Amino acid sequence: MKFSESVKKNKDFQLIYKKGSSYANKHLVMYVLENHTEGNRIGISVSKKVGNSVVRHRLTRLVRESYRLNEEKFQTGLDIVIVIRVAAREKGFSEIQGSLLHLGKIHNIVKR
């Protein structure tokens, strides 16, 4: 991810959950909050309800790669938290990528 950093601290996640706007689809929930910087910060959250650590890590990698490949399409200056839902457990890369871009379009953060 050349333009983005990671959200790592719990207080940053909590701030984005509390003050950010959220939209959801079948596989993902996306929270977005402006951070007034040059780049984006992205955080990915997966509950233990989704599956064991292998499944959770696989889904995290799919979301991270989907974002990385489409990073130039997203506006800059945003904190983005993506929560992966249980319905995404059996999905492949194309479905996850489609869900991510769908949520970006709903939030109006994907450049046309």
N, C-alpha and C. Protein backbone atom coordinates (compact mmCIF):
# COMPACT_ATOMS: atom_id res chain seq x y z
N MET A 1 0.85 -1.17 0.00
CA MET A 1 0.00 0.00 0.00
C MET A 1 0.90 1.24 0.00
N LYS A 2 1.08 1.83 -1.15
CA LYS A 2 2.04 2.91 -1.27
C LYS A 2 1.57 4.22 -0.66
N PHE A 3 0.27 4.49 -0.64
CA PHE A 3 -0.22 5.76 -0.11
C PHE A 3 -0.80 5.63 1.29
N SER A 4 -0.94 4.44 1.80
CA SER A 4 -1.69 4.23 3.03
C SER A 4 -0.85 3.62 4.13
N GLU A 5 -1.28 3.93 5.36
CA GLU A 5 -0.71 3.33 6.55
C GLU A 5 -1.80 2.48 7.19
N SER A 6 -1.46 1.82 8.29
CA SER A 6 -2.42 0.99 9.00
C SER A 6 -2.92 1.70 10.25
N VAL A 7 -4.16 1.46 10.59
CA VAL A 7 -4.70 1.87 11.89
C VAL A 7 -4.40 0.71 12.83
N LYS A 8 -3.66 0.98 13.90
CA LYS A 8 -3.24 -0.09 14.78
C LYS A 8 -3.74 0.05 16.21
N LYS A 9 -3.91 1.26 16.68
CA LYS A 9 -4.26 1.49 18.09
C LYS A 9 -5.77 1.38 18.30
N ASN A 10 -6.12 0.79 19.43
CA ASN A 10 -7.53 0.60 19.78
C ASN A 10 -8.25 1.95 19.87
N LYS A 11 -7.60 2.96 20.41
CA LYS A 11 -8.26 4.27 20.54
C LYS A 11 -8.57 4.87 19.17
N ASP A 12 -7.72 4.61 18.18
CA ASP A 12 -8.00 5.08 16.82
C ASP A 12 -9.20 4.36 16.23
N PHE A 13 -9.27 3.04 16.43
CA PHE A 13 -10.44 2.28 15.97
C PHE A 13 -11.70 2.81 16.63
N GLN A 14 -11.66 3.02 17.94
CA GLN A 14 -12.84 3.49 18.67
C GLN A 14 -13.29 4.86 18.19
N LEU A 15 -12.34 5.75 17.89
CA LEU A 15 -12.68 7.08 17.39
C LEU A 15 -13.37 7.00 16.03
N ILE A 16 -12.85 6.13 15.16
CA ILE A 16 -13.45 5.98 13.83
C ILE A 16 -14.84 5.37 13.93
N TYR A 17 -15.01 4.38 14.83
CA TYR A 17 -16.34 3.79 15.04
C TYR A 17 -17.32 4.84 15.53
N LYS A 18 -16.87 5.69 16.46
CA LYS A 18 -17.76 6.64 17.11
C LYS A 18 -18.11 7.83 16.22
N LYS A 19 -17.11 8.40 15.55
CA LYS A 19 -17.33 9.64 14.81
C LYS A 19 -17.46 9.45 13.31
N GLY A 20 -17.09 8.30 12.79
CA GLY A 20 -17.15 8.06 11.36
C GLY A 20 -18.53 7.68 10.88
N SER A 21 -18.72 7.75 9.59
CA SER A 21 -19.98 7.29 8.99
C SER A 21 -19.78 5.85 8.52
N SER A 22 -20.85 5.07 8.58
CA SER A 22 -20.72 3.66 8.21
C SER A 22 -21.80 3.25 7.24
N TYR A 23 -21.39 2.37 6.34
CA TYR A 23 -22.31 1.69 5.43
C TYR A 23 -21.90 0.23 5.39
N ALA A 24 -22.86 -0.62 5.09
CA ALA A 24 -22.58 -2.04 5.09
C ALA A 24 -23.21 -2.70 3.88
N ASN A 25 -22.64 -3.83 3.51
CA ASN A 25 -23.28 -4.72 2.56
C ASN A 25 -23.19 -6.12 3.14
N LYS A 26 -23.44 -7.11 2.34
CA LYS A 26 -23.54 -8.48 2.83
C LYS A 26 -22.24 -8.99 3.45
N HIS A 27 -21.08 -8.57 2.92
CA HIS A 27 -19.81 -9.12 3.35
C HIS A 27 -18.99 -8.22 4.26
N LEU A 28 -19.14 -6.90 4.11
CA LEU A 28 -18.27 -5.96 4.81
C LEU A 28 -19.06 -4.81 5.41
N VAL A 29 -18.47 -4.17 6.43
CA VAL A 29 -18.95 -2.90 6.96
C VAL A 29 -17.77 -1.94 6.84
N MET A 30 -18.02 -0.72 6.34
CA MET A 30 -16.95 0.26 6.17
C MET A 30 -17.28 1.52 6.95
N TYR A 31 -16.35 1.91 7.82
CA TYR A 31 -16.43 3.16 8.56
C TYR A 31 -15.41 4.11 7.95
N VAL A 32 -15.82 5.37 7.72
CA VAL A 32 -14.93 6.36 7.12
C VAL A 32 -14.97 7.64 7.94
N LEU A 33 -13.77 8.19 8.19
CA LEU A 33 -13.62 9.44 8.92
C LEU A 33 -12.47 10.22 8.29
N GLU A 34 -12.65 11.52 8.09
CA GLU A 34 -11.57 12.33 7.53
C GLU A 34 -10.46 12.47 8.56
N ASN A 35 -9.20 12.39 8.09
CA ASN A 35 -8.07 12.54 9.01
C ASN A 35 -7.21 13.77 8.72
N HIS A 36 -7.55 14.55 7.68
CA HIS A 36 -6.88 15.82 7.36
C HIS A 36 -5.38 15.65 7.14
N THR A 37 -4.99 14.57 6.49
CA THR A 37 -3.59 14.36 6.12
C THR A 37 -3.51 14.09 4.63
N GLU A 38 -2.31 13.81 4.16
CA GLU A 38 -2.10 13.54 2.74
C GLU A 38 -2.54 12.15 2.31
N GLY A 39 -2.45 11.18 3.22
CA GLY A 39 -2.73 9.79 2.86
C GLY A 39 -3.88 9.19 3.64
N ASN A 40 -4.18 7.97 3.32
CA ASN A 40 -5.22 7.22 4.02
C ASN A 40 -4.60 6.33 5.08
N ARG A 41 -5.42 5.99 6.06
CA ARG A 41 -5.06 4.95 7.02
C ARG A 41 -6.17 3.91 6.94
N ILE A 42 -5.79 2.65 6.90
CA ILE A 42 -6.78 1.59 6.78
C ILE A 42 -6.61 0.60 7.93
N GLY A 43 -7.73 0.22 8.52
CA GLY A 43 -7.74 -0.79 9.57
C GLY A 43 -8.72 -1.88 9.20
N ILE A 44 -8.38 -3.12 9.53
CA ILE A 44 -9.24 -4.25 9.19
C ILE A 44 -9.54 -5.01 10.47
N SER A 45 -10.81 -5.31 10.70
CA SER A 45 -11.23 -5.99 11.91
C SER A 45 -12.03 -7.24 11.54
N VAL A 46 -11.70 -8.35 12.20
CA VAL A 46 -12.41 -9.61 11.97
C VAL A 46 -12.70 -10.25 13.31
N SER A 47 -13.95 -10.56 13.57
CA SER A 47 -14.35 -11.19 14.81
C SER A 47 -14.01 -12.68 14.82
N LYS A 48 -13.87 -13.24 16.01
CA LYS A 48 -13.62 -14.68 16.12
C LYS A 48 -14.83 -15.49 15.67
N LYS A 49 -16.00 -14.86 15.59
CA LYS A 49 -17.20 -15.55 15.09
C LYS A 49 -17.05 -15.96 13.63
N VAL A 50 -16.19 -15.24 12.90
CA VAL A 50 -16.02 -15.50 11.47
C VAL A 50 -15.36 -16.86 11.24
N GLY A 51 -14.43 -17.24 12.10
CA GLY A 51 -13.76 -18.52 11.93
C GLY A 51 -12.47 -18.57 12.73
N ASN A 52 -11.70 -19.62 12.49
CA ASN A 52 -10.44 -19.74 13.22
C ASN A 52 -9.41 -18.76 12.65
N SER A 53 -8.22 -18.77 13.21
CA SER A 53 -7.22 -17.76 12.83
C SER A 53 -6.81 -17.87 11.37
N VAL A 54 -6.81 -19.05 10.81
CA VAL A 54 -6.45 -19.23 9.41
C VAL A 54 -7.47 -18.54 8.51
N VAL A 55 -8.74 -18.74 8.80
CA VAL A 55 -9.82 -18.12 8.01
C VAL A 55 -9.79 -16.60 8.17
N ARG A 56 -9.64 -16.13 9.40
CA ARG A 56 -9.62 -14.68 9.65
C ARG A 56 -8.45 -14.01 8.95
N HIS A 57 -7.30 -14.63 9.02
CA HIS A 57 -6.12 -14.04 8.39
C HIS A 57 -6.24 -14.05 6.86
N ARG A 58 -6.82 -15.10 6.31
CA ARG A 58 -7.04 -15.17 4.86
C ARG A 58 -7.94 -14.04 4.40
N LEU A 59 -9.03 -13.80 5.13
CA LEU A 59 -9.95 -12.72 4.77
C LEU A 59 -9.28 -11.35 4.90
N THR A 60 -8.46 -11.20 5.93
CA THR A 60 -7.73 -9.95 6.10
C THR A 60 -6.81 -9.70 4.92
N ARG A 61 -6.11 -10.73 4.48
CA ARG A 61 -5.22 -10.60 3.33
C ARG A 61 -5.99 -10.26 2.06
N LEU A 62 -7.17 -10.87 1.89
CA LEU A 62 -7.99 -10.58 0.70
C LEU A 62 -8.44 -9.12 0.68
N VAL A 63 -8.87 -8.61 1.83
CA VAL A 63 -9.31 -7.22 1.89
C VAL A 63 -8.13 -6.28 1.66
N ARG A 64 -7.01 -6.56 2.29
CA ARG A 64 -5.82 -5.71 2.15
C ARG A 64 -5.35 -5.68 0.69
N GLU A 65 -5.35 -6.83 0.04
CA GLU A 65 -4.93 -6.89 -1.37
C GLU A 65 -5.93 -6.19 -2.27
N SER A 66 -7.23 -6.34 -2.00
CA SER A 66 -8.25 -5.64 -2.78
C SER A 66 -8.06 -4.14 -2.68
N TYR A 67 -7.79 -3.67 -1.47
CA TYR A 67 -7.56 -2.23 -1.30
C TYR A 67 -6.27 -1.80 -2.00
N ARG A 68 -5.22 -2.58 -1.87
CA ARG A 68 -3.92 -2.23 -2.47
C ARG A 68 -4.03 -2.08 -3.99
N LEU A 69 -4.74 -3.00 -4.63
CA LEU A 69 -4.87 -2.96 -6.08
C LEU A 69 -5.74 -1.81 -6.57
N ASN A 70 -6.63 -1.32 -5.71
CA ASN A 70 -7.55 -0.24 -6.10
C ASN A 70 -7.28 1.05 -5.34
N GLU A 71 -6.12 1.13 -4.71
CA GLU A 71 -5.81 2.26 -3.84
C GLU A 71 -5.89 3.61 -4.53
N GLU A 72 -5.46 3.68 -5.78
CA GLU A 72 -5.47 4.96 -6.49
C GLU A 72 -6.89 5.44 -6.80
N LYS A 73 -7.88 4.57 -6.71
CA LYS A 73 -9.27 4.95 -6.96
C LYS A 73 -9.90 5.66 -5.76
N PHE A 74 -9.32 5.46 -4.57
CA PHE A 74 -9.89 6.04 -3.35
C PHE A 74 -9.36 7.46 -3.13
N GLN A 75 -10.21 8.34 -2.61
CA GLN A 75 -9.79 9.68 -2.24
C GLN A 75 -8.78 9.58 -1.10
N THR A 76 -8.00 10.63 -0.90
CA THR A 76 -7.01 10.62 0.17
C THR A 76 -7.48 11.46 1.35
N GLY A 77 -6.78 11.33 2.47
CA GLY A 77 -7.13 12.07 3.68
C GLY A 77 -8.22 11.41 4.49
N LEU A 78 -8.28 10.08 4.47
CA LEU A 78 -9.35 9.35 5.16
C LEU A 78 -8.79 8.28 6.08
N ASP A 79 -9.50 8.05 7.17
CA ASP A 79 -9.30 6.86 8.00
C ASP A 79 -10.42 5.90 7.63
N ILE A 80 -10.07 4.69 7.27
CA ILE A 80 -11.05 3.70 6.84
C ILE A 80 -10.88 2.46 7.71
N VAL A 81 -11.98 2.01 8.31
CA VAL A 81 -11.98 0.73 9.04
C VAL A 81 -12.96 -0.18 8.34
N ILE A 82 -12.49 -1.39 8.02
CA ILE A 82 -13.32 -2.39 7.36
C ILE A 82 -13.54 -3.54 8.32
N VAL A 83 -14.79 -3.84 8.59
CA VAL A 83 -15.16 -4.96 9.45
C VAL A 83 -15.66 -6.07 8.55
N ILE A 84 -15.07 -7.24 8.68
CA ILE A 84 -15.44 -8.38 7.85
C ILE A 84 -16.54 -9.17 8.55
N ARG A 85 -17.62 -9.44 7.83
CA ARG A 85 -18.76 -10.16 8.39
C ARG A 85 -18.63 -11.66 8.16
N VAL A 86 -19.45 -12.42 8.89
CA VAL A 86 -19.43 -13.88 8.80
C VAL A 86 -19.76 -14.36 7.39
N ALA A 87 -20.61 -13.63 6.67
CA ALA A 87 -21.02 -14.04 5.33
C ALA A 87 -19.85 -14.06 4.34
N ALA A 88 -18.75 -13.40 4.67
CA ALA A 88 -17.60 -13.35 3.78
C ALA A 88 -16.71 -14.57 3.91
N ARG A 89 -17.00 -15.45 4.86
CA ARG A 89 -16.12 -16.58 5.18
C ARG A 89 -15.74 -17.42 3.97
N GLU A 90 -16.68 -17.77 3.14
CA GLU A 90 -16.44 -18.68 2.02
C GLU A 90 -16.19 -17.95 0.70
N LYS A 91 -16.12 -16.63 0.72
CA LYS A 91 -16.02 -15.85 -0.51
C LYS A 91 -14.59 -15.77 -1.01
N GLY A 92 -14.46 -15.56 -2.30
CA GLY A 92 -13.16 -15.44 -2.93
C GLY A 92 -12.77 -13.99 -3.14
N PHE A 93 -11.65 -13.82 -3.81
CA PHE A 93 -11.10 -12.48 -4.00
C PHE A 93 -12.04 -11.56 -4.76
N SER A 94 -12.65 -12.04 -5.83
CA SER A 94 -13.48 -11.16 -6.66
C SER A 94 -14.71 -10.64 -5.91
N GLU A 95 -15.32 -11.49 -5.07
CA GLU A 95 -16.48 -11.05 -4.29
C GLU A 95 -16.08 -10.02 -3.24
N ILE A 96 -14.93 -10.23 -2.59
CA ILE A 96 -14.47 -9.30 -1.57
C ILE A 96 -14.10 -7.97 -2.22
N GLN A 97 -13.42 -8.02 -3.35
CA GLN A 97 -13.05 -6.80 -4.05
C GLN A 97 -14.30 -6.04 -4.50
N GLY A 98 -15.28 -6.75 -5.02
CA GLY A 98 -16.53 -6.11 -5.42
C GLY A 98 -17.25 -5.45 -4.25
N SER A 99 -17.26 -6.12 -3.11
CA SER A 99 -17.89 -5.55 -1.92
C SER A 99 -17.17 -4.29 -1.44
N LEU A 100 -15.84 -4.32 -1.48
CA LEU A 100 -15.05 -3.17 -1.05
C LEU A 100 -15.32 -1.96 -1.96
N LEU A 101 -15.30 -2.17 -3.26
CA LEU A 101 -15.55 -1.07 -4.19
C LEU A 101 -17.00 -0.58 -4.09
N HIS A 102 -17.93 -1.49 -3.86
CA HIS A 102 -19.33 -1.11 -3.68
C HIS A 102 -19.49 -0.16 -2.50
N LEU A 103 -18.85 -0.49 -1.37
CA LEU A 103 -18.95 0.37 -0.20
C LEU A 103 -18.24 1.70 -0.43
N GLY A 104 -17.15 1.68 -1.17
CA GLY A 104 -16.47 2.93 -1.51
C GLY A 104 -17.35 3.84 -2.33
N LYS A 105 -18.11 3.27 -3.25
CA LYS A 105 -19.02 4.07 -4.06
C LYS A 105 -20.17 4.61 -3.23
N ILE A 106 -20.68 3.83 -2.29
CA ILE A 106 -21.76 4.30 -1.42
C ILE A 106 -21.29 5.49 -0.58
N HIS A 107 -20.06 5.43 -0.07
CA HIS A 107 -19.48 6.50 0.74
C HIS A 107 -19.04 7.69 -0.12
N ASN A 108 -19.06 7.56 -1.43
CA ASN A 108 -18.57 8.58 -2.37
C ASN A 108 -17.09 8.89 -2.14
N ILE A 109 -16.30 7.85 -1.89
CA ILE A 109 -14.85 8.04 -1.72
C ILE A 109 -14.07 7.38 -2.85
N VAL A 110 -14.77 6.78 -3.80
CA VAL A 110 -14.10 6.19 -4.97
C VAL A 110 -14.22 7.19 -6.11
N LYS A 111 -13.07 7.52 -6.70
CA LYS A 111 -13.06 8.46 -7.81
C LYS A 111 -13.68 7.78 -9.03
N ARG A 112 -14.44 8.52 -9.75
CA ARG A 112 -15.11 7.98 -10.95
C ARG A 112 -14.14 7.86 -12.09
